Structures are given as C-alpha cells and as structure tokens.
Amino acid sequence: MDHRWGFLIGFLGAVGLLGSGHGGQQPPETAAQRCFCQVSGYLDDCTCDVNLKRPCPFWNDISQCGRRDCAVKLCQSDEVPDGIKSASYKYSEEASNIEECEQAERLGAVDESLSEETQKAVLQWTKHDDSSDNFCEADDIQSPDAEYVDLLLNPERYTGYKGPDAWKIWNVIYEENCFKPQTIKRPLNPLASGHENTFYSWLEGLCVEKRAFYKLISGLHASINVHLCARYLLQDTWLEKIWGHNITEFQQRFDGILTEGEGPRRLKNLYFLYLIELRALSKVVPFFERQDFQLFTGNKVQDAENKMLLLEILHEIKSFPLHFDENSFFAGDKKEANKLKEDFRLHFRNISRIMDCVGCLKCRLWGKLQTQGLGTALKILFSEKLIANMPESGPSYEFHLTRQEIVSLFNAFGRISTSVKELENFRNLLQNIH
C-alpha cells in the first residue's frame, strides 16, 4: 500500500465491519464474537507541536514514570526543518555560538522569503490562536520550554504505564467532564460496580449532544487501548525487543464477558469517533484547497507535492458515502443551543488540560496529540458557515487552523484509522478462540 494512504487504512475496514451484521439470534460463541458483537449494523446517533513540560493544573502529586519506554526522543536542532522552527527554538547546549548564528541566519532567510500578504496572514493566525472557538488549550510554541518531537521515532505503544496514576487520569475525565452527576457511576469504575443498567439508562436519557460527548471520549479511550494491545511488548531481552498483538490484553479490555458487557460498547464508540473525524476532514477541504494555504516546511518543491497529496487524500475522504450527519447537533432553541455548545467546548477544553497530568511522557505526547486532534475536528464541525464564507484568496480571518491543529488533526485521524485496521487483525486472531 502506498505510504501516502497510511492514515486511511481503516477506510474500507470501517465500512465492512459496520455493514456485516450476523444472521439469527444465536448466542456468541467465539472470543471474536464476544468482542465485536455490537460492531455491526446501525450506529447509534448517526444518520500538536506538543509541550510535554507543561505542569499539571489540577494536582501536585503527579509522579513521572521512570520506565525507559515512557521516555520521549526529542529532535536535535539540525533535525528540524527551518520552515517549522519557532523563533524560541532551544538549541542544544553542545551547539557552538557559530552554529547558533548559522541557524539563526537560516531562520531569518525563511522569514524574509515570505510575501507581504503571507506575513500579514501569519500575524492574523497568531492573533486567532486564542480564539474562543478553540476546543483545546493549545501549547505555546513560542515558549522556551517548547520542544520538537519526531513522531516516527516515538511510536504509540505499550509503555507499562498503568495502575492508580493511569486510572486517576481517566476517572477525572469520565467522572467530572462528561456531563455526569456524581451519583451515576460508569461501568467498571474501580470505585463502584453493578451500575451498568443505571448508567446506560441515564445516558440514553441525555440530549444527543451530551450523549455524543461521552461516546467520543469512550471512543478515544478505546482507540488508545487498541494501539497498546496491538503494539505490546511481548519479549524484552538483552538481544532484542519484540512488539506485537497481545490477544489476552485485548480480551481483558474488550471481551463482552470479561468486561461485563462494556467492551463491545467501547468498540462501537470507537467507530462513532472515526466517523466524526472523517466528517470533519470532508468539511474542511475548502480551507486546504485555497491557493493561499501553504505548508511552510522550508522546501517549496516539497510543500507543493505535500499539498497535492493532502488534497488527494481529502477528496478521497469526501467521496465516502456514509458520513456522519451533525445537523441535529445544537439545533434547538438558539439561546439554549449556544449555551450547550459553550458547555461542550469548555468540557472538552478541560480534558485537554488534564492530559498535562499524565506521568508517562510518551503517553502524554500521544494523549495530547489525539485529544487536540479531536478538538480540532469538533471546531471544524461547528464552523460550517465560516468555512463556507471563506474568501477564495487572501487571508482567512474568520476560520483558521494553526499548525498545531493541522498536525494533530491528521495524526489523530491516522491513529483512529490504525485502530480500525487493527480491529480487523484482532477479529481474525480471535476467530478460533473460545
């Protein structure tokens, strides 16, 4: 498969799984059926540069994971393309003053190559970064603590980060940020049990927007768990490390019996998340089609080629026939709808801040990236009129995506697509297990 389609690998997989219902009413028999029993038929409710050093804003007892697999490999100064460096990029202590001057000259040359119109657009983008339309708390790329990370050198996989610290992160997200009263406990909450019927009865009674919010968070959580199960450390010796699919771990998280019926719901919510992000990418095509949109990597030839490939992928997404329909969101009384939208945005923005409390740096990196990607997708879905009214040329002042948002949007969708593809792998692996 061509590498340019790498983050669309889940495309056909989603269509196949959503449309492959089982005939009859026979009870599930195989492990695959127990995990995937709800991933078929009708889907409910459907007709960043990353600053890893930001402090946790909610509690002080955050413990940093000491495992080597939690560490993040940072980019050296000569590995970062000049076109994407911020003015505050910290050169390594080993770099000489001459090297620093040469780097600064190259940065200056890139800035001077921008047209006057583009420079004005960049200034407008900077002013827009604090817009109230944002669903995530964006990191300040001008901060002296900002660092560059090559995601290819830091793959998302199992790191050993688990236990009370990891549970605390997800508990705060679910219990305090999903429009849920404290008296209603979610299934498999370690602090409570036997509340499944109560929880889902309460959830179905919510408006479609609040119900969707929970499903998005659950889908994100499920997707992250799929990644960890698919790239699990199976063997660690002084000779080599072997990463691969851990079937037992997957069953513990998604088997209908082992999770008291919760696992298949999680997988269904993963597809809900996939369709939401797919829809956002299809709606934002006009933003990337504009002649003024540039990628600014520092290499004009590569920029043009990348934009062509990007548009090719986006048009392929736009041709997908089963897109999520968000028109039912915030469609009631205008005043109440605006209040609900603001609550929706603030709840999600708070979740993006919670990611700064993750003790494992590699987990924090991917958690923040995927959270911001989802937040960017939501921003797009709620900006339909602004996107439609963008001028064909010149700066787009009403609707804008920052570099962080663009990077997180596509990488987050790549992660979700990978999850969908991995589900098919796990389905095949579990087919003969009872």
Protein backbone atom coordinates (compact mmCIF):
# COMPACT_ATOMS: atom_id res chain seq x y z
CA MET A 1 0.00 0.00 0.00
CA ASP A 2 1.32 3.46 -0.91
CA HIS A 3 2.60 5.30 2.19
CA ARG A 4 0.54 8.37 1.30
CA TRP A 5 -2.60 6.42 2.22
CA GLY A 6 -1.19 5.23 5.51
CA PHE A 7 -3.64 7.05 7.72
CA LEU A 8 -6.64 5.97 5.67
CA ILE A 9 -6.06 2.25 6.19
CA GLY A 10 -9.20 1.96 8.25
CA PHE A 11 -11.43 3.29 5.49
CA LEU A 12 -12.66 0.05 3.98
CA GLY A 13 -12.40 -1.74 7.31
CA ALA A 14 -14.98 0.57 8.88
CA VAL A 15 -17.44 0.07 6.05
CA GLY A 16 -17.04 -3.70 6.18
CA LEU A 17 -17.45 -4.01 9.92
CA LEU A 18 -20.37 -1.63 10.16
CA GLY A 19 -22.27 -3.47 7.48
CA SER A 20 -21.54 -7.08 8.45
CA GLY A 21 -24.37 -7.99 10.77
CA HIS A 22 -24.77 -11.56 11.99
CA GLY A 23 -27.78 -13.57 10.94
CA GLY A 24 -30.03 -15.17 13.53
CA GLN A 25 -30.07 -14.76 17.30
CA GLN A 26 -27.59 -17.46 18.32
CA PRO A 27 -25.53 -16.61 21.42
CA PRO A 28 -21.93 -15.54 20.80
CA GLU A 29 -19.50 -18.44 20.87
CA THR A 30 -16.04 -17.29 19.87
CA ALA A 31 -13.88 -14.64 21.51
CA ALA A 32 -14.20 -12.59 18.32
CA GLN A 33 -17.99 -12.62 18.56
CA ARG A 34 -17.89 -11.62 22.23
CA CYS A 35 -15.69 -8.60 21.47
CA PHE A 36 -17.32 -7.48 18.23
CA CYS A 37 -20.96 -8.36 18.92
CA GLN A 38 -22.04 -4.70 18.81
CA VAL A 39 -19.81 -3.55 15.96
CA SER A 40 -22.34 -4.18 13.23
CA GLY A 41 -25.49 -2.71 11.75
CA TYR A 42 -26.84 0.71 12.73
CA LEU A 43 -24.50 3.01 14.63
CA ASP A 44 -26.27 4.94 17.38
CA ASP A 45 -26.79 8.70 16.89
CA CYS A 46 -25.59 8.60 13.29
CA THR A 47 -27.87 9.27 10.38
CA CYS A 48 0.26 19.35 18.29
CA ASP A 49 3.83 20.87 18.50
CA VAL A 50 3.41 19.46 21.98
CA ASN A 51 4.82 20.99 25.14
CA LEU A 52 5.48 17.98 27.32
CA LYS A 53 6.74 20.10 30.23
CA ARG A 54 3.54 21.96 30.99
CA PRO A 55 2.62 21.43 34.65
CA CYS A 56 -0.49 19.57 35.68
CA PRO A 57 -3.09 22.26 36.53
CA PHE A 58 -5.21 20.08 38.81
CA TRP A 59 -2.99 18.28 41.34
CA ASN A 60 0.62 18.41 42.52
CA ASP A 61 1.30 14.77 43.34
CA ILE A 62 1.95 13.74 39.74
CA SER A 63 4.67 11.10 39.57
CA GLN A 64 6.88 10.84 36.50
CA CYS A 65 7.16 7.35 35.06
CA GLY A 66 10.72 6.04 35.32
CA ARG A 67 10.36 3.30 32.70
CA ARG A 68 12.60 3.73 29.67
CA ASP A 69 9.69 3.02 27.34
CA CYS A 70 7.96 6.14 28.68
CA ALA A 71 10.77 8.40 27.56
CA VAL A 72 10.41 10.62 24.51
CA LYS A 73 13.20 11.09 21.96
CA LEU A 74 13.47 14.78 21.18
CA CYS A 75 14.69 16.25 17.89
CA GLN A 76 18.12 17.83 17.73
CA SER A 77 18.37 21.32 16.25
CA ASP A 78 19.78 20.11 12.92
CA GLU A 79 16.92 17.60 12.51
CA VAL A 80 14.15 20.21 12.48
CA PRO A 81 13.32 21.81 9.10
CA ASP A 82 13.97 25.52 9.22
CA GLY A 83 10.49 26.27 7.93
CA ILE A 84 8.78 24.92 11.04
CA LYS A 85 11.08 26.15 13.78
CA SER A 86 9.73 28.76 16.14
CA ALA A 87 11.87 31.76 16.99
CA SER A 88 12.32 30.43 20.52
CA TYR A 89 13.66 27.01 19.49
CA LYS A 90 16.24 25.91 22.05
CA TYR A 91 19.49 24.79 20.52
CA SER A 92 21.35 22.05 22.34
CA GLU A 93 23.95 23.01 24.91
CA GLU A 94 26.59 21.30 22.79
CA ALA A 95 25.99 23.65 19.86
CA SER A 96 28.65 26.31 19.40
CA ASN A 97 27.97 30.01 19.04
CA ILE A 98 28.85 29.74 15.34
CA GLU A 99 26.29 27.02 14.83
CA GLU A 100 23.67 29.11 16.61
CA CYS A 101 24.39 32.08 14.36
CA GLU A 102 24.14 29.92 11.26
CA GLN A 103 20.83 28.51 12.45
CA ALA A 104 19.54 32.00 13.16
CA GLU A 105 20.58 33.20 9.70
CA ARG A 106 18.72 30.34 8.05
CA LEU A 107 15.63 31.11 10.11
CA GLY A 108 15.85 34.72 9.09
CA ALA A 109 16.18 33.78 5.43
CA VAL A 110 12.99 31.75 5.61
CA ASP A 111 11.10 34.64 7.18
CA GLU A 112 12.28 37.08 4.53
CA SER A 113 11.14 34.75 1.74
CA LEU A 114 7.50 35.17 2.76
CA SER A 115 5.41 37.56 0.73
CA GLU A 116 3.95 40.64 2.40
CA GLU A 117 0.46 39.15 2.07
CA THR A 118 1.58 35.89 3.67
CA GLN A 119 3.30 37.71 6.53
CA LYS A 120 0.05 39.54 7.25
CA ALA A 121 -1.79 36.22 7.19
CA VAL A 122 0.67 34.70 9.66
CA LEU A 123 0.15 37.63 12.02
CA GLN A 124 -3.59 37.14 11.82
CA TRP A 125 -3.18 33.42 12.53
CA THR A 126 -1.19 34.21 15.67
CA LYS A 127 -3.90 36.59 16.88
CA HIS A 128 -6.52 33.96 16.17
CA ASP A 129 -4.84 31.24 18.21
CA ASP A 130 -6.57 32.37 21.40
CA SER A 131 -9.98 32.37 19.74
CA SER A 132 -12.95 31.28 21.81
CA ASP A 133 -13.78 28.82 19.03
CA ASN A 134 -10.93 26.52 20.06
CA PHE A 135 -11.87 23.29 21.80
CA CYS A 136 -8.39 22.63 23.20
CA GLU A 137 -5.91 24.55 25.31
CA ALA A 138 -3.11 24.90 22.80
CA ASP A 139 0.53 24.82 23.80
CA ASP A 140 2.56 27.97 23.28
CA ILE A 141 5.09 27.13 20.57
CA GLN A 142 6.96 30.33 21.43
CA SER A 143 7.57 29.08 24.97
CA PRO A 144 11.23 28.45 25.90
CA ASP A 145 10.07 25.03 27.14
CA ALA A 146 8.66 24.03 23.74
CA GLU A 147 10.49 21.15 22.09
CA TYR A 148 10.19 19.34 18.75
CA VAL A 149 9.36 15.66 18.58
CA ASP A 150 9.61 13.30 15.62
CA LEU A 151 6.52 11.11 15.97
CA LEU A 152 8.10 8.37 13.85
CA LEU A 153 10.79 7.94 16.49
CA ASN A 154 8.22 7.83 19.28
CA PRO A 155 5.55 5.30 18.19
CA GLU A 156 2.47 4.90 20.32
CA ARG A 157 2.66 1.52 22.05
CA TYR A 158 2.53 -0.17 25.43
CA THR A 159 4.88 1.50 27.91
CA GLY A 160 3.95 -0.16 31.19
CA TYR A 161 2.22 3.00 32.43
CA LYS A 162 -0.77 1.69 34.38
CA GLY A 163 -2.22 1.36 37.86
CA PRO A 164 -3.60 4.12 40.12
CA ASP A 165 -1.92 7.01 38.27
CA ALA A 166 -3.34 6.00 34.88
CA TRP A 167 -6.76 5.23 36.38
CA LYS A 168 -6.80 8.65 38.02
CA ILE A 169 -6.50 10.41 34.66
CA TRP A 170 -9.42 8.57 33.08
CA ASN A 171 -11.52 8.77 36.24
CA VAL A 172 -11.24 12.54 36.31
CA ILE A 173 -12.13 12.70 32.62
CA TYR A 174 -15.19 10.48 32.92
CA GLU A 175 -16.45 11.44 36.36
CA GLU A 176 -16.00 15.21 36.16
CA ASN A 177 -16.07 16.13 32.47
CA CYS A 178 -18.76 14.04 30.77
CA PHE A 179 -21.87 15.94 31.92
CA LYS A 180 -22.35 13.19 34.51
CA PRO A 181 -23.68 13.61 38.05
CA GLN A 182 -21.56 12.08 40.81
CA THR A 183 -24.40 9.75 41.79
CA ILE A 184 -24.27 7.94 38.44
CA LYS A 185 -21.24 5.65 38.20
CA ARG A 186 -19.98 4.43 34.88
CA PRO A 187 -19.47 0.68 34.32
CA LEU A 188 -16.20 -0.81 35.53
CA ASN A 189 -15.37 2.23 37.60
CA PRO A 190 -12.89 0.76 40.14
CA LEU A 191 -14.73 2.67 42.86
CA ALA A 192 -18.11 1.12 42.08
CA SER A 193 -19.68 -1.90 40.42
CA GLY A 194 -23.05 -3.17 39.29
CA HIS A 195 -24.22 0.19 37.91
CA GLU A 196 -24.28 -0.70 34.21
CA ASN A 197 -28.05 -0.60 33.79
CA THR A 198 -28.38 2.62 35.77
CA PHE A 199 -25.59 4.29 33.82
CA TYR A 200 -26.87 3.48 30.35
CA SER A 201 -30.46 4.27 31.26
CA TRP A 202 -29.22 7.67 32.37
CA LEU A 203 -27.05 8.08 29.26
CA GLU A 204 -29.90 7.33 26.85
CA GLY A 205 -31.96 9.99 28.60
CA LEU A 206 -29.46 12.73 27.73
CA CYS A 207 -29.74 15.02 24.73
CA VAL A 208 -27.89 13.85 21.63
CA GLU A 209 -25.02 16.32 22.15
CA LYS A 210 -24.17 15.17 25.69
CA ARG A 211 -24.58 11.55 24.71
CA ALA A 212 -22.20 12.11 21.80
CA PHE A 213 -19.67 13.75 24.10
CA TYR A 214 -19.44 10.64 26.25
CA LYS A 215 -19.20 8.40 23.20
CA LEU A 216 -16.35 10.46 21.77
CA ILE A 217 -14.33 10.21 24.99
CA SER A 218 -15.09 6.50 25.28
CA GLY A 219 -14.08 6.01 21.63
CA LEU A 220 -10.82 7.88 22.17
CA HIS A 221 -10.08 5.74 25.24
CA ALA A 222 -10.87 2.57 23.27
CA SER A 223 -8.67 3.63 20.37
CA ILE A 224 -5.71 4.24 22.67
CA ASN A 225 -6.22 0.83 24.27
CA VAL A 226 -6.30 -0.84 20.85
CA HIS A 227 -2.95 0.74 20.00
CA LEU A 228 -1.43 -0.53 23.23
CA CYS A 229 -2.74 -4.06 22.64
CA ALA A 230 -1.55 -4.10 19.03
CA ARG A 231 1.97 -2.91 19.88
CA TYR A 232 2.53 -4.72 23.13
CA LEU A 233 5.97 -5.60 24.45
CA LEU A 234 5.85 -9.38 24.06
CA GLN A 235 9.54 -10.07 24.71
CA ASP A 236 12.30 -7.93 26.21
CA THR A 237 15.79 -9.42 26.31
CA TRP A 238 19.30 -8.07 26.05
CA LEU A 239 19.29 -9.20 22.42
CA GLU A 240 16.05 -7.66 21.18
CA LYS A 241 12.60 -6.34 21.89
CA ILE A 242 9.62 -7.93 20.21
CA TRP A 243 6.40 -5.91 19.83
CA GLY A 244 3.16 -7.40 18.62
CA HIS A 245 -0.51 -8.25 19.20
CA ASN A 246 -1.40 -9.24 22.75
CA ILE A 247 -4.65 -11.16 22.40
CA THR A 248 -5.09 -11.68 26.14
CA GLU A 249 -4.75 -7.96 26.83
CA PHE A 250 -7.27 -7.17 24.10
CA GLN A 251 -9.78 -9.60 25.57
CA GLN A 252 -9.37 -8.14 29.05
CA ARG A 253 -10.31 -4.72 27.69
CA PHE A 254 -12.99 -5.62 25.14
CA ASP A 255 -14.38 -9.13 25.68
CA GLY A 256 -18.11 -8.92 26.44
CA ILE A 257 -17.91 -11.46 29.28
CA LEU A 258 -14.68 -10.24 30.88
CA THR A 259 -15.85 -6.60 30.81
CA GLU A 260 -19.45 -7.29 31.91
CA GLY A 261 -20.77 -6.20 28.52
CA GLU A 262 -18.79 -2.96 28.44
CA GLY A 263 -16.06 -3.91 25.94
CA PRO A 264 -18.24 -4.16 22.80
CA ARG A 265 -19.79 -0.78 23.64
CA ARG A 266 -16.32 0.73 23.71
CA LEU A 267 -15.56 -0.61 20.24
CA LYS A 268 -18.84 0.77 18.93
CA ASN A 269 -17.91 4.18 20.32
CA LEU A 270 -14.55 3.93 18.54
CA TYR A 271 -16.40 3.78 15.21
CA PHE A 272 -18.54 6.72 16.28
CA LEU A 273 -15.32 8.71 16.85
CA TYR A 274 -13.95 7.55 13.49
CA LEU A 275 -16.99 8.81 11.61
CA ILE A 276 -16.90 12.16 13.45
CA GLU A 277 -13.29 12.79 12.47
CA LEU A 278 -13.92 11.53 8.95
CA ARG A 279 -16.78 14.01 8.61
CA ALA A 280 -14.64 16.89 9.86
CA LEU A 281 -11.95 16.18 7.27
CA SER A 282 -14.54 16.13 4.49
CA LYS A 283 -15.90 19.52 5.58
CA VAL A 284 -12.56 21.28 5.89
CA VAL A 285 -11.48 20.56 2.30
CA PRO A 286 -12.16 24.18 1.13
CA PHE A 287 -9.67 25.50 3.70
CA PHE A 288 -6.84 23.40 2.27
CA GLU A 289 -7.90 23.98 -1.36
CA ARG A 290 -7.35 27.73 -1.10
CA GLN A 291 -4.39 28.95 -3.12
CA ASP A 292 -3.10 30.89 -0.12
CA PHE A 293 -2.75 27.77 2.02
CA GLN A 294 0.91 26.82 2.34
CA LEU A 295 2.63 24.16 4.42
CA PHE A 296 5.81 26.13 5.21
CA THR A 297 8.32 23.31 5.61
CA GLY A 298 11.05 25.44 4.11
CA ASN A 299 11.18 23.50 0.83
CA LYS A 300 8.86 24.93 -1.83
CA VAL A 301 9.01 21.88 -4.07
CA GLN A 302 8.22 19.55 -1.18
CA ASP A 303 5.47 21.92 0.00
CA ALA A 304 3.73 21.76 -3.37
CA GLU A 305 3.96 17.98 -3.53
CA ASN A 306 2.70 17.58 0.02
CA LYS A 307 -0.27 19.83 -0.66
CA MET A 308 -1.15 17.83 -3.77
CA LEU A 309 -1.06 14.56 -1.82
CA LEU A 310 -3.04 16.12 1.01
CA LEU A 311 -5.82 17.24 -1.33
CA GLU A 312 -5.85 13.84 -2.99
CA ILE A 313 -6.49 12.18 0.36
CA LEU A 314 -9.11 14.73 1.39
CA HIS A 315 -11.08 14.27 -1.82
CA GLU A 316 -10.99 10.52 -1.29
CA ILE A 317 -12.45 11.10 2.18
CA LYS A 318 -15.10 13.42 0.77
CA SER A 319 -16.29 10.66 -1.57
CA PHE A 320 -17.11 8.39 1.40
CA PRO A 321 -20.88 7.67 1.16
CA LEU A 322 -21.79 7.21 4.84
CA HIS A 323 -20.70 10.41 6.52
CA PHE A 324 -21.92 11.37 9.98
CA ASP A 325 -24.69 13.98 9.93
CA GLU A 326 -24.04 16.62 12.58
CA ASN A 327 -27.04 18.79 11.65
CA SER A 328 -29.00 17.50 14.62
CA PHE A 329 -26.41 18.95 17.00
CA PHE A 330 -27.34 22.22 18.73
CA ALA A 331 -30.43 22.53 16.55
CA GLY A 332 -32.99 23.54 19.20
CA ASP A 333 -33.71 26.92 20.77
CA LYS A 334 -30.89 29.22 19.68
CA LYS A 335 -30.11 30.55 23.15
CA GLU A 336 -30.11 27.11 24.74
CA ALA A 337 -28.15 25.67 21.81
CA ASN A 338 -25.42 28.32 22.17
CA LYS A 339 -25.19 27.66 25.91
CA LEU A 340 -24.92 23.92 25.31
CA LYS A 341 -22.26 24.41 22.64
CA GLU A 342 -20.21 26.54 25.02
CA ASP A 343 -20.53 23.92 27.78
CA PHE A 344 -19.49 21.28 25.26
CA ARG A 345 -16.43 23.29 24.28
CA LEU A 346 -15.39 24.06 27.87
CA HIS A 347 -15.74 20.44 28.98
CA PHE A 348 -13.53 19.29 26.14
CA ARG A 349 -11.04 22.10 26.71
CA ASN A 350 -10.72 20.93 30.32
CA ILE A 351 -9.98 17.40 29.18
CA SER A 352 -7.15 18.71 27.01
CA ARG A 353 -5.64 20.28 30.14
CA ILE A 354 -5.94 17.02 32.09
CA MET A 355 -3.55 15.42 29.61
CA ASP A 356 -0.77 17.50 31.18
CA CYS A 357 -1.21 15.34 34.28
CA VAL A 358 -0.17 12.10 32.57
CA GLY A 359 3.02 10.84 34.22
CA CYS A 360 4.38 8.90 31.24
CA LEU A 361 5.84 11.38 28.74
CA LYS A 362 5.22 9.20 25.71
CA CYS A 363 1.62 8.58 26.83
CA ARG A 364 1.22 12.32 27.40
CA LEU A 365 2.58 13.06 23.94
CA TRP A 366 0.07 10.84 22.16
CA GLY A 367 -2.77 11.63 24.53
CA LYS A 368 -2.40 15.37 23.95
CA LEU A 369 -1.97 14.92 20.21
CA GLN A 370 -5.13 12.83 19.83
CA THR A 371 -7.17 14.98 22.19
CA GLN A 372 -6.23 18.11 20.27
CA GLY A 373 -6.97 16.32 17.01
CA LEU A 374 -10.48 15.52 18.17
CA GLY A 375 -10.91 19.07 19.46
CA THR A 376 -9.88 20.41 16.05
CA ALA A 377 -12.40 18.08 14.37
CA LEU A 378 -15.15 19.47 16.61
CA LYS A 379 -14.06 23.02 15.85
CA ILE A 380 -14.43 22.26 12.12
CA LEU A 381 -17.86 20.68 12.52
CA PHE A 382 -19.15 23.74 14.35
CA SER A 383 -17.66 26.18 11.82
CA GLU A 384 -19.57 25.17 8.69
CA LYS A 385 -20.81 28.67 7.88
CA LEU A 386 -17.39 30.22 8.49
CA ILE A 387 -15.75 27.70 6.18
CA ALA A 388 -18.38 28.30 3.50
CA ASN A 389 -17.80 32.08 3.66
CA MET A 390 -14.02 31.97 3.33
CA PRO A 391 -12.67 34.15 0.51
CA GLU A 392 -11.15 32.33 -2.44
CA SER A 393 -7.91 34.21 -1.98
CA GLY A 394 -6.28 36.32 0.68
CA PRO A 395 -6.11 35.65 4.43
CA SER A 396 -8.98 33.76 6.04
CA TYR A 397 -9.71 35.75 9.18
CA GLU A 398 -12.98 34.11 10.25
CA PHE A 399 -11.88 30.48 10.08
CA HIS A 400 -8.33 29.41 10.67
CA LEU A 401 -6.39 26.32 11.71
CA THR A 402 -3.00 26.68 13.39
CA ARG A 403 -0.06 24.46 12.52
CA GLN A 404 -0.62 22.58 15.79
CA GLU A 405 -4.25 21.97 14.92
CA ILE A 406 -3.42 20.75 11.41
CA VAL A 407 -0.72 18.38 12.64
CA SER A 408 -2.90 16.99 15.43
CA LEU A 409 -5.96 16.69 13.17
CA PHE A 410 -4.26 14.41 10.65
CA ASN A 411 -2.19 12.45 13.14
CA ALA A 412 -5.23 11.84 15.34
CA PHE A 413 -7.18 10.57 12.35
CA GLY A 414 -4.20 8.39 11.47
CA ARG A 415 -4.36 6.84 14.94
CA ILE A 416 -8.11 6.20 14.68
CA SER A 417 -7.68 4.67 11.22
CA THR A 418 -4.94 2.45 12.59
CA SER A 419 -7.28 1.33 15.37
CA VAL A 420 -9.96 0.36 12.85
CA LYS A 421 -7.43 -1.64 10.85
CA GLU A 422 -6.11 -3.34 13.99
CA LEU A 423 -9.63 -4.38 14.98
CA GLU A 424 -9.83 -6.46 11.84
CA ASN A 425 -6.49 -8.05 12.76
CA PHE A 426 -7.74 -8.88 16.25
CA ARG A 427 -11.01 -10.21 14.85
CA ASN A 428 -9.03 -12.70 12.75
CA LEU A 429 -6.73 -13.64 15.63
CA LEU A 430 -9.70 -14.29 17.95
CA GLN A 431 -11.78 -16.17 15.41
CA ASN A 432 -10.86 -19.65 16.66
CA ILE A 433 -10.55 -18.82 20.36
CA HIS A 434 -13.44 -19.76 22.67
